[in-house]
Amino acid sequence: MSDAQKYWKANIRLVIGCLVVWFVVSFGCGILFAQQLNGIRIGGYQLGFWFAQQGSIYTFVALIFFYAWRMNQLDRKFNVSED
């Protein structure tokens, strides 16, 4: 397997991992598990409601920074860095 194929495979694996986390947090915590999470309160709000309104957005922003950081590592590893 060539380096380009390894790089692409690592990139796709990272994207899929980020999408799975985003799905679990936004759909899972905000919709599927909302009733169970509503027993926990954060700042007076039920946790299921919080995830549906704010938590999934915070997670998405965190995933953007994580993806950029991890892609910079992959770029340096496979010598395709823009630096």
N, C-alpha and C. Protein backbone atom coordinates (compact mmCIF):
# COMPACT_ATOMS: atom_id res chain seq x y z
N MET A 1 0.85 -1.17 0.00
CA MET A 1 0.00 0.00 0.00
C MET A 1 0.90 1.24 0.00
N SER A 2 0.60 2.17 -0.88
CA SER A 2 1.43 3.38 -0.99
C SER A 2 1.14 4.34 0.16
N ASP A 3 2.04 5.31 0.32
CA ASP A 3 1.85 6.31 1.36
C ASP A 3 0.59 7.13 1.13
N ALA A 4 0.28 7.41 -0.13
CA ALA A 4 -0.93 8.18 -0.43
C ALA A 4 -2.18 7.41 0.00
N GLN A 5 -2.19 6.11 -0.21
CA GLN A 5 -3.33 5.29 0.20
C GLN A 5 -3.43 5.21 1.72
N LYS A 6 -2.28 5.10 2.39
CA LYS A 6 -2.27 5.07 3.86
C LYS A 6 -2.76 6.40 4.42
N TYR A 7 -2.33 7.49 3.80
CA TYR A 7 -2.76 8.83 4.24
C TYR A 7 -4.27 8.97 4.07
N TRP A 8 -4.78 8.56 2.92
CA TRP A 8 -6.21 8.68 2.66
C TRP A 8 -7.01 7.80 3.61
N LYS A 9 -6.52 6.59 3.88
CA LYS A 9 -7.19 5.69 4.80
C LYS A 9 -7.23 6.28 6.21
N ALA A 10 -6.13 6.86 6.66
CA ALA A 10 -6.09 7.49 7.97
C ALA A 10 -7.03 8.69 8.03
N ASN A 11 -7.09 9.45 6.95
CA ASN A 11 -7.98 10.61 6.88
C ASN A 11 -9.44 10.17 6.97
N ILE A 12 -9.81 9.18 6.21
CA ILE A 12 -11.19 8.68 6.21
C ILE A 12 -11.55 8.10 7.57
N ARG A 13 -10.64 7.38 8.20
CA ARG A 13 -10.88 6.83 9.53
C ARG A 13 -11.13 7.95 10.55
N LEU A 14 -10.36 9.02 10.44
CA LEU A 14 -10.54 10.17 11.33
C LEU A 14 -11.90 10.83 11.11
N VAL A 15 -12.27 11.03 9.86
CA VAL A 15 -13.56 11.65 9.54
C VAL A 15 -14.70 10.78 10.06
N ILE A 16 -14.64 9.49 9.84
CA ILE A 16 -15.69 8.59 10.31
C ILE A 16 -15.77 8.60 11.83
N GLY A 17 -14.62 8.60 12.50
CA GLY A 17 -14.62 8.67 13.96
C GLY A 17 -15.27 9.94 14.47
N CYS A 18 -14.94 11.07 13.85
CA CYS A 18 -15.55 12.34 14.25
C CYS A 18 -17.06 12.34 13.99
N LEU A 19 -17.47 11.79 12.88
CA LEU A 19 -18.90 11.72 12.57
C LEU A 19 -19.66 10.83 13.55
N VAL A 20 -19.03 9.74 13.97
CA VAL A 20 -19.67 8.84 14.94
C VAL A 20 -19.85 9.57 16.28
N VAL A 21 -18.81 10.27 16.72
CA VAL A 21 -18.92 11.02 17.98
C VAL A 21 -20.01 12.08 17.86
N TRP A 22 -20.03 12.80 16.76
CA TRP A 22 -21.02 13.85 16.56
C TRP A 22 -22.44 13.26 16.55
N PHE A 23 -22.63 12.13 15.88
CA PHE A 23 -23.93 11.48 15.83
C PHE A 23 -24.38 11.03 17.22
N VAL A 24 -23.48 10.39 17.96
CA VAL A 24 -23.84 9.89 19.29
C VAL A 24 -24.23 11.05 20.20
N VAL A 25 -23.48 12.14 20.14
CA VAL A 25 -23.78 13.27 21.01
C VAL A 25 -25.05 13.99 20.57
N SER A 26 -25.17 14.28 19.28
CA SER A 26 -26.32 15.07 18.84
C SER A 26 -27.61 14.24 18.80
N PHE A 27 -27.57 13.09 18.18
CA PHE A 27 -28.78 12.27 18.04
C PHE A 27 -29.00 11.41 19.27
N GLY A 28 -27.92 10.78 19.74
CA GLY A 28 -28.04 9.88 20.88
C GLY A 28 -28.39 10.61 22.17
N CYS A 29 -27.53 11.56 22.56
CA CYS A 29 -27.76 12.27 23.83
C CYS A 29 -28.91 13.26 23.74
N GLY A 30 -29.11 13.85 22.58
CA GLY A 30 -30.16 14.85 22.44
C GLY A 30 -31.54 14.29 22.18
N ILE A 31 -31.62 13.06 21.63
CA ILE A 31 -32.93 12.51 21.27
C ILE A 31 -33.14 11.12 21.89
N LEU A 32 -32.26 10.17 21.56
CA LEU A 32 -32.49 8.78 21.98
C LEU A 32 -32.40 8.58 23.49
N PHE A 33 -31.39 9.18 24.11
CA PHE A 33 -31.17 8.98 25.54
C PHE A 33 -31.59 10.19 26.37
N ALA A 34 -32.38 11.07 25.79
CA ALA A 34 -32.75 12.31 26.47
C ALA A 34 -33.52 12.03 27.76
N GLN A 35 -34.44 11.09 27.75
CA GLN A 35 -35.24 10.80 28.95
C GLN A 35 -34.36 10.32 30.09
N GLN A 36 -33.39 9.45 29.79
CA GLN A 36 -32.49 8.96 30.83
C GLN A 36 -31.58 10.07 31.34
N LEU A 37 -31.12 10.93 30.44
CA LEU A 37 -30.21 12.01 30.83
C LEU A 37 -30.92 13.14 31.55
N ASN A 38 -32.23 13.24 31.38
CA ASN A 38 -32.97 14.32 32.03
C ASN A 38 -33.01 14.20 33.54
N GLY A 39 -32.62 13.06 34.07
CA GLY A 39 -32.53 12.90 35.52
C GLY A 39 -31.34 13.64 36.11
N ILE A 40 -30.41 14.05 35.27
CA ILE A 40 -29.20 14.78 35.69
C ILE A 40 -29.40 16.23 35.30
N ARG A 41 -29.01 17.13 36.19
CA ARG A 41 -29.17 18.57 35.92
C ARG A 41 -27.82 19.26 35.86
N ILE A 42 -27.71 20.19 34.92
CA ILE A 42 -26.52 21.05 34.79
C ILE A 42 -27.01 22.49 34.80
N GLY A 43 -26.61 23.23 35.80
CA GLY A 43 -27.03 24.63 35.89
C GLY A 43 -28.53 24.81 35.92
N GLY A 44 -29.26 23.85 36.48
CA GLY A 44 -30.70 23.94 36.56
C GLY A 44 -31.43 23.37 35.36
N TYR A 45 -30.71 22.98 34.33
CA TYR A 45 -31.33 22.42 33.12
C TYR A 45 -31.13 20.91 33.08
N GLN A 46 -32.10 20.23 32.54
CA GLN A 46 -31.98 18.78 32.39
C GLN A 46 -30.90 18.48 31.35
N LEU A 47 -30.09 17.45 31.61
CA LEU A 47 -28.95 17.14 30.76
C LEU A 47 -29.37 16.79 29.33
N GLY A 48 -30.46 16.06 29.16
CA GLY A 48 -30.93 15.73 27.81
C GLY A 48 -31.31 16.98 27.03
N PHE A 49 -31.98 17.91 27.69
CA PHE A 49 -32.33 19.18 27.06
C PHE A 49 -31.08 19.97 26.73
N TRP A 50 -30.12 19.99 27.68
CA TRP A 50 -28.88 20.73 27.47
C TRP A 50 -28.13 20.20 26.25
N PHE A 51 -28.02 18.88 26.12
CA PHE A 51 -27.34 18.30 24.96
C PHE A 51 -28.06 18.67 23.67
N ALA A 52 -29.38 18.64 23.69
CA ALA A 52 -30.13 18.97 22.48
C ALA A 52 -29.95 20.43 22.09
N GLN A 53 -29.80 21.32 23.06
CA GLN A 53 -29.72 22.75 22.78
C GLN A 53 -28.29 23.27 22.67
N GLN A 54 -27.40 22.84 23.54
CA GLN A 54 -26.06 23.41 23.59
C GLN A 54 -24.95 22.38 23.44
N GLY A 55 -25.10 21.24 24.07
CA GLY A 55 -24.03 20.25 24.14
C GLY A 55 -23.56 19.76 22.79
N SER A 56 -24.49 19.54 21.88
CA SER A 56 -24.09 19.06 20.56
C SER A 56 -23.33 20.14 19.79
N ILE A 57 -23.66 21.40 20.02
CA ILE A 57 -22.93 22.50 19.36
C ILE A 57 -21.52 22.58 19.92
N TYR A 58 -21.37 22.52 21.25
CA TYR A 58 -20.04 22.55 21.86
C TYR A 58 -19.20 21.37 21.39
N THR A 59 -19.82 20.20 21.32
CA THR A 59 -19.10 19.02 20.86
C THR A 59 -18.66 19.19 19.41
N PHE A 60 -19.52 19.74 18.58
CA PHE A 60 -19.17 19.95 17.17
C PHE A 60 -17.98 20.91 17.04
N VAL A 61 -17.98 21.99 17.80
CA VAL A 61 -16.86 22.94 17.75
C VAL A 61 -15.58 22.27 18.25
N ALA A 62 -15.68 21.48 19.32
CA ALA A 62 -14.52 20.75 19.82
C ALA A 62 -14.00 19.77 18.78
N LEU A 63 -14.91 19.12 18.06
CA LEU A 63 -14.50 18.18 17.01
C LEU A 63 -13.77 18.89 15.87
N ILE A 64 -14.16 20.11 15.57
CA ILE A 64 -13.47 20.87 14.53
C ILE A 64 -12.02 21.10 14.92
N PHE A 65 -11.81 21.54 16.16
CA PHE A 65 -10.43 21.76 16.63
C PHE A 65 -9.65 20.45 16.71
N PHE A 66 -10.29 19.38 17.17
CA PHE A 66 -9.63 18.08 17.23
C PHE A 66 -9.24 17.61 15.83
N TYR A 67 -10.15 17.75 14.88
CA TYR A 67 -9.87 17.33 13.50
C TYR A 67 -8.68 18.10 12.92
N ALA A 68 -8.66 19.40 13.11
CA ALA A 68 -7.56 20.22 12.60
C ALA A 68 -6.23 19.82 13.24
N TRP A 69 -6.25 19.60 14.55
CA TRP A 69 -5.03 19.19 15.26
C TRP A 69 -4.54 17.82 14.77
N ARG A 70 -5.47 16.88 14.66
CA ARG A 70 -5.11 15.52 14.24
C ARG A 70 -4.66 15.49 12.77
N MET A 71 -5.30 16.27 11.91
CA MET A 71 -4.88 16.31 10.51
C MET A 71 -3.49 16.93 10.36
N ASN A 72 -3.16 17.91 11.18
CA ASN A 72 -1.80 18.46 11.16
C ASN A 72 -0.79 17.39 11.52
N GLN A 73 -1.12 16.53 12.49
CA GLN A 73 -0.23 15.43 12.84
C GLN A 73 -0.09 14.45 11.68
N LEU A 74 -1.21 14.11 11.04
CA LEU A 74 -1.16 13.19 9.90
C LEU A 74 -0.38 13.79 8.73
N ASP A 75 -0.57 15.08 8.49
CA ASP A 75 0.16 15.75 7.42
C ASP A 75 1.66 15.67 7.65
N ARG A 76 2.09 15.91 8.88
CA ARG A 76 3.54 15.83 9.19
C ARG A 76 4.02 14.38 9.08
N LYS A 77 3.21 13.44 9.54
CA LYS A 77 3.60 12.01 9.49
C LYS A 77 3.81 11.55 8.06
N PHE A 78 2.93 11.98 7.15
CA PHE A 78 3.02 11.54 5.77
C PHE A 78 3.71 12.56 4.87
N ASN A 79 4.33 13.55 5.49
CA ASN A 79 5.14 14.55 4.78
C ASN A 79 4.34 15.31 3.72
N VAL A 80 3.14 15.71 4.06
CA VAL A 80 2.32 16.55 3.18
C VAL A 80 1.93 17.84 3.88
N SER A 81 2.73 18.21 4.86
CA SER A 81 2.46 19.39 5.68
C SER A 81 2.56 20.65 4.84
N GLU A 82 1.73 21.64 5.18
CA GLU A 82 1.74 22.92 4.49
C GLU A 82 2.72 23.89 5.15
N ASP A 83 3.36 23.48 6.21
CA ASP A 83 4.31 24.37 6.92
C ASP A 83 5.56 24.62 6.12
